[in-house]
Amino acid sequence: MGSRISFGLCTVLVSIILFSAQLPNVHHLKNTPKVTVTELDFGTETVTFCMHEGVKIRFKLALDDFGTEDVVVKKSKGEVDLKTWEAETFTYLINPKAEAFEVEVWVKTKDVVEIQVPVVNGKLADYDVSGAFDTSNAKWKPISEVFQVDGDYVKVISNWKLYGRICE
């Protein structure tokens, strides 16, 4: 009799563990997406974009604890040459043609499938100056249901403004 109870408890415990292992590991995004830029020739995160001079850079996306350099960055506004540099993975060549330009940042949807964002009244929740979302009264939705999706990618940052200057 004691072995039947032990076996029954063990079966229930194994069922609970297997069921919880099948649940996705959902992450509620607490802060707005952030991007850093590293200039590869000097290895610094302080980048001076000199107009009409090409610079080799790498972008890094941070979604709370999730970070990746596997992003696609596209020009959205302004005059700038921005293209991938095939010799190094996740590397771009950028050559500003104006004092200000904007880019958008896309990430593979499969990489962020477990990330959910706060939504209030059908829109992304407001955030403060530090980028922390106001999650009071928020409903959580997968990032791919809130942001624009194109093929296998989801746009996580729109119109991120960067500045070029005339360098001597």
Protein backbone atom coordinates (compact mmCIF):
# COMPACT_ATOMS: atom_id res chain seq x y z
CA MET A 1 0.00 0.00 0.00
CA GLY A 2 2.80 2.42 0.91
CA SER A 3 4.54 1.74 -2.40
CA ARG A 4 1.31 2.53 -4.31
CA ILE A 5 1.02 5.91 -2.57
CA SER A 6 4.69 6.66 -3.25
CA PHE A 7 4.27 5.62 -6.88
CA GLY A 8 1.12 7.79 -7.18
CA LEU A 9 2.82 10.83 -5.67
CA CYS A 10 5.85 10.28 -7.89
CA THR A 11 3.60 10.07 -10.98
CA VAL A 12 1.84 13.32 -10.04
CA LEU A 13 5.16 15.06 -9.42
CA VAL A 14 6.58 13.89 -12.76
CA SER A 15 3.39 15.05 -14.55
CA ILE A 16 3.66 18.51 -12.98
CA ILE A 17 7.33 18.81 -13.94
CA LEU A 18 6.69 17.70 -17.53
CA PHE A 19 3.70 20.06 -17.86
CA SER A 20 5.67 23.05 -16.56
CA ALA A 21 8.57 22.24 -18.89
CA GLN A 22 6.19 22.56 -21.86
CA LEU A 23 5.00 26.03 -20.87
CA PRO A 24 6.82 28.83 -22.67
CA ASN A 25 9.11 31.01 -20.59
CA VAL A 26 7.23 34.31 -21.05
CA HIS A 27 9.06 37.53 -20.20
CA HIS A 28 7.19 40.79 -19.56
CA LEU A 29 9.26 43.65 -20.97
CA LYS A 30 9.70 46.27 -18.25
CA ASN A 31 11.69 48.82 -20.27
CA THR A 32 11.65 50.16 -23.80
CA PRO A 33 14.03 48.51 -26.28
CA LYS A 34 17.50 50.07 -26.26
CA VAL A 35 20.30 50.05 -28.82
CA THR A 36 23.98 50.71 -28.38
CA VAL A 37 26.44 51.36 -31.18
CA THR A 38 30.09 50.33 -31.06
CA GLU A 39 32.69 51.75 -33.40
CA LEU A 40 34.76 48.72 -34.35
CA ASP A 41 37.98 50.45 -35.35
CA PHE A 42 38.41 51.88 -31.84
CA GLY A 43 36.12 49.57 -29.83
CA THR A 44 34.24 52.44 -28.20
CA GLU A 45 30.54 53.02 -27.62
CA THR A 46 31.03 56.74 -28.15
CA VAL A 47 30.71 57.09 -31.89
CA THR A 48 31.25 60.26 -33.88
CA PHE A 49 29.52 60.03 -37.22
CA CYS A 50 31.54 62.30 -39.46
CA MET A 51 29.65 63.34 -42.54
CA HIS A 52 31.06 61.89 -45.75
CA GLU A 53 33.41 59.55 -43.84
CA GLY A 54 32.57 55.87 -43.53
CA VAL A 55 32.63 54.22 -40.12
CA LYS A 56 32.49 50.52 -39.32
CA ILE A 57 29.96 49.91 -36.52
CA ARG A 58 27.98 47.20 -34.75
CA PHE A 59 24.55 47.63 -33.20
CA LYS A 60 23.44 45.77 -30.05
CA LEU A 61 19.80 45.51 -29.07
CA ALA A 62 18.75 45.13 -25.43
CA LEU A 63 15.27 44.01 -24.40
CA ASP A 64 15.68 43.95 -20.61
CA ASP A 65 18.00 40.95 -20.02
CA PHE A 66 17.88 39.73 -23.62
CA GLY A 67 20.63 41.17 -25.81
CA THR A 68 21.66 40.45 -29.38
CA GLU A 69 23.79 41.85 -32.15
CA ASP A 70 21.81 39.80 -34.68
CA VAL A 71 19.67 42.72 -35.84
CA VAL A 72 18.79 44.32 -39.15
CA VAL A 73 19.15 48.10 -39.20
CA LYS A 74 17.54 50.11 -42.00
CA LYS A 75 17.49 53.79 -42.85
CA SER A 76 14.08 55.31 -42.18
CA LYS A 77 14.69 59.05 -42.69
CA GLY A 78 17.47 61.37 -43.77
CA GLU A 79 20.48 61.04 -45.97
CA VAL A 80 22.85 58.27 -44.98
CA ASP A 81 24.56 55.35 -46.65
CA LEU A 82 24.00 52.33 -44.43
CA LYS A 83 24.95 48.86 -45.58
CA THR A 84 26.09 45.58 -44.10
CA TRP A 85 29.78 44.79 -44.28
CA GLU A 86 30.02 41.22 -45.48
CA ALA A 87 33.57 40.65 -44.14
CA GLU A 88 32.37 40.65 -40.49
CA THR A 89 29.14 39.29 -39.02
CA PHE A 90 26.64 41.86 -37.67
CA THR A 91 28.76 44.76 -38.94
CA TYR A 92 27.61 47.84 -40.82
CA LEU A 93 29.33 50.58 -42.76
CA ILE A 94 27.69 53.94 -42.18
CA ASN A 95 28.37 57.18 -44.00
CA PRO A 96 26.15 60.13 -42.98
CA LYS A 97 25.32 62.67 -45.68
CA ALA A 98 23.36 65.00 -43.37
CA GLU A 99 23.46 66.27 -39.78
CA ALA A 100 20.57 64.05 -38.68
CA PHE A 101 19.19 60.76 -39.88
CA GLU A 102 16.96 58.02 -38.49
CA VAL A 103 17.13 54.26 -38.50
CA GLU A 104 14.81 51.40 -37.53
CA VAL A 105 15.91 48.22 -35.79
CA TRP A 106 14.51 44.78 -36.65
CA VAL A 107 15.12 41.48 -34.84
CA LYS A 108 14.24 37.89 -35.75
CA THR A 109 10.73 37.11 -34.51
CA LYS A 110 11.81 33.66 -33.32
CA ASP A 111 14.37 35.30 -31.01
CA VAL A 112 11.73 37.36 -29.19
CA VAL A 113 8.73 35.02 -29.32
CA GLU A 114 8.66 34.74 -25.50
CA ILE A 115 8.76 38.51 -24.90
CA GLN A 116 5.51 40.32 -24.19
CA VAL A 117 4.94 44.09 -24.03
CA PRO A 118 2.43 46.06 -21.95
CA VAL A 119 -0.60 47.35 -23.85
CA VAL A 120 -3.14 49.89 -22.57
CA ASN A 121 -6.24 50.75 -24.64
CA GLY A 122 -4.84 48.89 -27.65
CA LYS A 123 -1.55 50.86 -27.68
CA LEU A 124 1.90 50.26 -26.26
CA ALA A 125 1.94 51.47 -22.63
CA ASP A 126 3.43 54.87 -21.81
CA TYR A 127 6.94 55.02 -20.38
CA ASP A 128 8.92 57.48 -18.29
CA VAL A 129 12.14 59.32 -19.21
CA SER A 130 14.25 56.35 -18.11
CA GLY A 131 12.32 54.06 -20.47
CA ALA A 132 10.40 52.13 -17.78
CA PHE A 133 6.91 51.17 -18.92
CA ASP A 134 3.86 52.14 -16.87
CA THR A 135 2.36 48.68 -16.48
CA SER A 136 -0.61 49.64 -14.30
CA ASN A 137 -3.81 48.49 -16.02
CA ALA A 138 -1.73 46.91 -18.81
CA LYS A 139 -2.54 43.74 -20.67
CA TRP A 140 0.42 41.76 -21.96
CA LYS A 141 0.71 40.80 -25.62
CA PRO A 142 3.47 39.12 -27.63
CA ILE A 143 5.85 41.63 -29.18
CA SER A 144 4.95 40.35 -32.67
CA GLU A 145 1.28 41.30 -32.12
CA VAL A 146 2.10 44.89 -31.18
CA PHE A 147 5.03 45.83 -33.43
CA GLN A 148 5.28 45.65 -37.22
CA VAL A 149 6.25 42.24 -38.63
CA ASP A 150 7.86 41.72 -42.03
CA GLY A 151 8.62 38.12 -42.92
CA ASP A 152 10.76 36.59 -40.19
CA TYR A 153 11.53 39.94 -38.51
CA VAL A 154 9.75 42.28 -36.11
CA LYS A 155 10.55 46.01 -35.90
CA VAL A 156 11.34 46.89 -32.27
CA ILE A 157 12.61 50.45 -32.77
CA SER A 158 11.27 53.00 -35.25
CA ASN A 159 12.90 56.29 -36.20
CA TRP A 160 15.88 56.20 -33.82
CA LYS A 161 17.57 59.54 -34.41
CA LEU A 162 21.33 59.69 -34.93
CA TYR A 163 23.49 62.72 -35.68
CA GLY A 164 26.36 63.34 -38.02
CA ARG A 165 28.74 66.28 -37.98
CA ILE A 166 31.40 67.83 -40.11
CA CYS A 167 34.78 66.60 -38.90
CA GLU A 168 38.10 68.22 -39.74
